[in-house]
Amino acid sequence: MNAALPSLAAASASGVDLLLWVAFPYICLAVFVVGHVWRYRQDQFGWTSRTSQLLEHRWLRWGSPLFHLGAFLVIAEHVVGLAVPASWTEAAGIGEQTYHTTAVWLGSVAGLAMVAGLGMLSTRRLLTHRIRLGTDRSDKLLFPLLSATVLLGISATAAHNVFGGGYDYRETVSVWFRALFTLRPRPEAIADAPLLFQLHALTACLLFAAWPFTRLVHVWSAPVGYLARPYLVYRRRAVTG
């Protein structure tokens, strides 16, 4: 009986809710998967971050570490917040108050670092003529979409959990997110969430759909092999004569 409840709830959701919180996410996920397969088969040479370090390095030296470190922390926080049920963290001895306090402040710091880094990288791209000439259509899509996703997430946290009365997204947004992957969608779980959280979720879906067609694909090509690569041995050439 309990197993049928999500299906009944989804069936009773409005057409708009089904479109926004069921059809749209699944379409974006399908594009994410199929797009990566197509990109790998058709454009392995372009499977790169297209670094422009040789063209300018002062902004890049600060912007890139800030952005990547902030992004890694934000992703880790989202994995815990969205994929891990509250009962699991409680079983691990992490109370709700401790979790939310840590999540809000760590997420805020990580988000601000990511925004600062992204701002530097975007400014660098706009102000450096040679880099601006190398900006293609995928970059013009990626940078605004990534900025919107990050800023909406920070705004939602600030409005509701820093300056507001508090909002437990793990009881709504997280439930909707996990239900998508169990193929038992629950659009009603996010339908009544605050607007900023909904917009953040929608832009994140768009970002996943755009991912295979942008420089973000280089995430899957991290040089992990370098960690186990043997040392290079250099020998001095003997001087003869």
Protein backbone atom coordinates (compact mmCIF):
# COMPACT_ATOMS: atom_id res chain seq x y z
CA MET A 1 0.00 0.00 0.00
CA ASN A 2 2.76 2.44 0.91
CA ALA A 3 4.60 1.74 -2.35
CA ALA A 4 1.60 3.02 -4.31
CA LEU A 5 1.40 6.35 -2.49
CA PRO A 6 4.07 8.19 -4.60
CA SER A 7 2.37 7.09 -7.81
CA LEU A 8 -1.02 8.24 -6.57
CA ALA A 9 0.41 11.56 -5.48
CA ALA A 10 2.06 12.07 -8.87
CA ALA A 11 -1.18 11.21 -10.62
CA SER A 12 -3.05 13.82 -8.59
CA ALA A 13 -0.51 16.58 -9.40
CA SER A 14 -1.50 19.32 -11.83
CA GLY A 15 -0.41 19.26 -15.45
CA VAL A 16 2.01 22.14 -14.88
CA ASP A 17 3.62 20.34 -11.94
CA LEU A 18 4.00 17.16 -14.00
CA LEU A 19 5.60 19.15 -16.82
CA LEU A 20 7.99 21.12 -14.59
CA TRP A 21 8.93 18.50 -12.01
CA VAL A 22 8.64 15.21 -13.90
CA ALA A 23 8.84 15.61 -17.68
CA PHE A 24 11.37 18.46 -17.75
CA PRO A 25 13.91 16.85 -15.36
CA TYR A 26 13.73 13.52 -17.19
CA ILE A 27 14.24 15.24 -20.55
CA CYS A 28 17.28 17.09 -19.16
CA LEU A 29 18.72 13.88 -17.72
CA ALA A 30 18.20 12.09 -21.03
CA VAL A 31 19.98 14.91 -22.90
CA PHE A 32 22.76 14.76 -20.29
CA VAL A 33 23.39 11.04 -20.89
CA VAL A 34 22.84 10.89 -24.65
CA GLY A 35 24.70 14.16 -25.17
CA HIS A 36 27.81 12.84 -23.45
CA VAL A 37 27.80 9.69 -25.58
CA TRP A 38 27.40 11.75 -28.75
CA ARG A 39 30.09 14.25 -27.73
CA TYR A 40 32.58 11.52 -26.89
CA ARG A 41 32.03 9.75 -30.20
CA GLN A 42 31.94 12.84 -32.38
CA ASP A 43 34.25 15.36 -30.70
CA GLN A 44 36.97 13.71 -28.63
CA PHE A 45 39.44 16.35 -29.77
CA GLY A 46 37.20 19.05 -28.28
CA TRP A 47 36.78 17.15 -24.99
CA THR A 48 38.82 19.70 -23.09
CA SER A 49 38.57 22.79 -20.91
CA ARG A 50 40.19 24.83 -23.72
CA THR A 51 42.58 26.52 -21.35
CA SER A 52 43.68 30.07 -22.17
CA GLN A 53 46.45 30.34 -19.59
CA LEU A 54 49.00 31.37 -22.20
CA LEU A 55 46.85 34.36 -23.14
CA GLU A 56 46.38 35.70 -19.59
CA HIS A 57 47.34 34.30 -16.21
CA ARG A 58 46.94 37.00 -13.54
CA TRP A 59 43.15 36.74 -13.27
CA LEU A 60 43.30 33.00 -13.90
CA ARG A 61 45.75 32.43 -11.03
CA TRP A 62 43.13 33.54 -8.50
CA GLY A 63 39.86 32.94 -10.30
CA SER A 64 40.39 29.31 -11.27
CA PRO A 65 41.33 27.97 -7.79
CA LEU A 66 38.51 29.92 -6.14
CA PHE A 67 35.95 28.67 -8.64
CA HIS A 68 37.05 25.02 -8.60
CA LEU A 69 37.46 24.78 -4.83
CA GLY A 70 34.08 26.43 -4.30
CA ALA A 71 32.49 24.16 -6.92
CA PHE A 72 33.85 20.99 -5.30
CA LEU A 73 32.50 22.03 -1.89
CA VAL A 74 29.12 23.03 -3.35
CA ILE A 75 28.80 19.72 -5.18
CA ALA A 76 29.73 17.77 -2.04
CA GLU A 77 27.14 19.69 -0.02
CA HIS A 78 24.46 19.05 -2.63
CA VAL A 79 25.27 15.33 -2.72
CA VAL A 80 24.80 15.13 1.05
CA GLY A 81 21.78 17.41 1.15
CA LEU A 82 19.89 15.95 -1.80
CA ALA A 83 20.95 12.31 -2.01
CA VAL A 84 21.37 11.43 1.68
CA PRO A 85 18.11 11.21 3.68
CA ALA A 86 17.94 13.04 6.99
CA SER A 87 17.52 9.73 8.80
CA TRP A 88 20.98 8.67 7.62
CA THR A 89 22.76 11.73 8.98
CA GLU A 90 20.85 11.39 12.25
CA ALA A 91 21.92 7.74 12.46
CA ALA A 92 25.51 8.92 12.01
CA GLY A 93 25.11 11.13 15.07
CA ILE A 94 24.63 14.43 13.22
CA GLY A 95 21.60 16.24 14.61
CA GLU A 96 19.34 18.44 12.50
CA GLN A 97 20.53 21.67 14.14
CA THR A 98 24.18 20.75 13.64
CA TYR A 99 23.58 19.69 10.05
CA HIS A 100 21.69 22.83 9.06
CA THR A 101 24.10 25.20 10.78
CA THR A 102 27.08 23.53 9.12
CA ALA A 103 25.34 23.30 5.74
CA VAL A 104 24.27 26.95 5.73
CA TRP A 105 27.64 28.44 6.67
CA LEU A 106 29.85 26.02 4.75
CA GLY A 107 27.56 26.31 1.74
CA SER A 108 27.59 30.11 1.96
CA VAL A 109 31.39 30.24 2.07
CA ALA A 110 31.70 27.73 -0.78
CA GLY A 111 29.08 29.55 -2.83
CA LEU A 112 30.75 32.93 -2.34
CA ALA A 113 34.13 31.46 -3.31
CA MET A 114 32.56 29.97 -6.42
CA VAL A 115 30.86 33.25 -7.32
CA ALA A 116 34.08 35.22 -6.76
CA GLY A 117 36.04 32.82 -8.93
CA LEU A 118 33.37 32.74 -11.63
CA GLY A 119 33.22 36.54 -11.57
CA MET A 120 36.98 36.77 -12.09
CA LEU A 121 36.92 34.26 -14.92
CA SER A 122 33.98 36.02 -16.61
CA THR A 123 35.59 39.45 -16.22
CA ARG A 124 38.84 38.08 -17.58
CA ARG A 125 37.01 36.72 -20.60
CA LEU A 126 35.23 40.01 -21.23
CA LEU A 127 38.19 42.34 -20.76
CA THR A 128 40.93 40.35 -22.47
CA HIS A 129 40.51 40.82 -26.19
CA ARG A 130 42.33 37.65 -27.26
CA ILE A 131 40.29 35.48 -24.88
CA ARG A 132 37.05 37.17 -25.91
CA LEU A 133 37.78 36.29 -29.53
CA GLY A 134 38.10 32.63 -28.50
CA THR A 135 34.74 32.57 -26.74
CA ASP A 136 32.38 30.32 -28.66
CA ARG A 137 28.61 29.88 -28.49
CA SER A 138 28.79 27.17 -25.84
CA ASP A 139 30.69 29.55 -23.52
CA LYS A 140 28.10 32.27 -24.09
CA LEU A 141 25.46 29.78 -22.94
CA LEU A 142 27.47 28.21 -20.11
CA PHE A 143 28.67 31.27 -18.21
CA PRO A 144 25.23 32.97 -17.80
CA LEU A 145 23.50 29.66 -17.03
CA LEU A 146 26.12 28.63 -14.47
CA SER A 147 26.02 32.09 -12.89
CA ALA A 148 22.22 32.02 -12.65
CA THR A 149 22.24 28.57 -11.05
CA VAL A 150 24.83 29.52 -8.43
CA LEU A 151 23.31 32.92 -7.62
CA LEU A 152 19.82 31.46 -7.25
CA GLY A 153 21.15 28.83 -4.86
CA ILE A 154 22.93 31.43 -2.74
CA SER A 155 19.88 33.70 -2.82
CA ALA A 156 17.59 30.87 -1.68
CA THR A 157 19.91 30.01 1.21
CA ALA A 158 20.35 33.63 2.24
CA ALA A 159 16.66 34.55 1.98
CA HIS A 160 15.31 31.55 3.87
CA ASN A 161 18.09 30.11 6.04
CA VAL A 162 20.35 33.06 6.85
CA PHE A 163 18.03 36.05 7.08
CA GLY A 164 14.71 34.20 7.06
CA GLY A 165 12.95 31.90 9.46
CA GLY A 166 14.56 28.77 8.03
CA TYR A 167 13.45 26.25 5.43
CA ASP A 168 14.20 22.52 5.49
CA TYR A 169 14.68 21.65 1.83
CA ARG A 170 15.46 18.03 2.75
CA GLU A 171 11.77 17.48 3.43
CA THR A 172 10.70 18.75 0.01
CA VAL A 173 13.34 19.34 -2.68
CA SER A 174 15.46 16.37 -1.60
CA VAL A 175 12.45 14.06 -1.59
CA TRP A 176 11.58 15.17 -5.14
CA PHE A 177 15.19 14.73 -6.28
CA ARG A 178 15.62 11.20 -4.93
CA ALA A 179 12.22 10.12 -6.26
CA LEU A 180 13.32 10.93 -9.81
CA PHE A 181 16.06 8.31 -9.64
CA THR A 182 13.82 5.65 -8.13
CA LEU A 183 11.42 6.20 -11.06
CA ARG A 184 8.61 7.04 -8.67
CA PRO A 185 8.37 10.80 -9.16
CA ARG A 186 6.86 13.01 -6.49
CA PRO A 187 6.21 16.43 -8.06
CA GLU A 188 4.07 17.45 -5.09
CA ALA A 189 7.17 17.38 -2.89
CA ILE A 190 8.66 20.44 -4.62
CA ALA A 191 5.50 22.08 -5.96
CA ASP A 192 5.00 24.09 -2.76
CA ALA A 193 8.68 24.89 -2.16
CA PRO A 194 9.73 28.57 -2.12
CA LEU A 195 10.13 30.12 -5.56
CA LEU A 196 13.90 30.60 -5.25
CA PHE A 197 14.42 26.91 -4.55
CA GLN A 198 12.21 26.02 -7.52
CA LEU A 199 14.11 28.35 -9.86
CA HIS A 200 17.40 26.97 -8.59
CA ALA A 201 16.21 23.43 -9.35
CA LEU A 202 15.02 24.37 -12.85
CA THR A 203 18.23 26.17 -13.81
CA ALA A 204 20.22 23.22 -12.45
CA CYS A 205 18.25 20.91 -14.77
CA LEU A 206 19.05 23.20 -17.70
CA LEU A 207 22.71 23.20 -16.69
CA PHE A 208 22.77 19.39 -16.76
CA ALA A 209 21.16 19.42 -20.21
CA ALA A 210 23.76 21.90 -21.50
CA TRP A 211 26.68 20.10 -19.81
CA PRO A 212 27.64 17.69 -22.65
CA PHE A 213 27.89 20.53 -25.17
CA THR A 214 30.18 22.80 -23.14
CA ARG A 215 33.67 22.76 -21.65
CA LEU A 216 32.20 21.16 -18.50
CA VAL A 217 32.87 17.76 -20.05
CA HIS A 218 36.48 18.09 -18.92
CA VAL A 219 35.25 17.21 -15.41
CA TRP A 220 35.11 13.56 -16.50
CA SER A 221 38.70 13.68 -17.74
CA ALA A 222 40.43 14.56 -14.49
CA PRO A 223 44.05 13.35 -14.67
CA VAL A 224 43.62 10.75 -11.91
CA GLY A 225 46.29 8.60 -13.52
CA TYR A 226 48.93 11.17 -12.63
CA LEU A 227 48.55 10.18 -8.97
CA ALA A 228 49.93 6.71 -9.71
CA ARG A 229 52.29 7.64 -12.52
CA PRO A 230 55.95 6.78 -11.85
CA TYR A 231 58.44 9.58 -11.44
CA LEU A 232 60.23 10.88 -14.48
CA VAL A 233 63.95 10.31 -14.27
CA TYR A 234 66.17 12.96 -15.78
CA ARG A 235 69.82 12.16 -16.59
CA ARG A 236 72.47 14.65 -17.44
CA ARG A 237 73.90 14.17 -20.88
CA ALA A 238 77.55 13.27 -20.72
CA VAL A 239 79.83 15.86 -22.21
CA THR A 240 82.26 14.31 -24.66
CA GLY A 241 85.28 15.69 -26.28
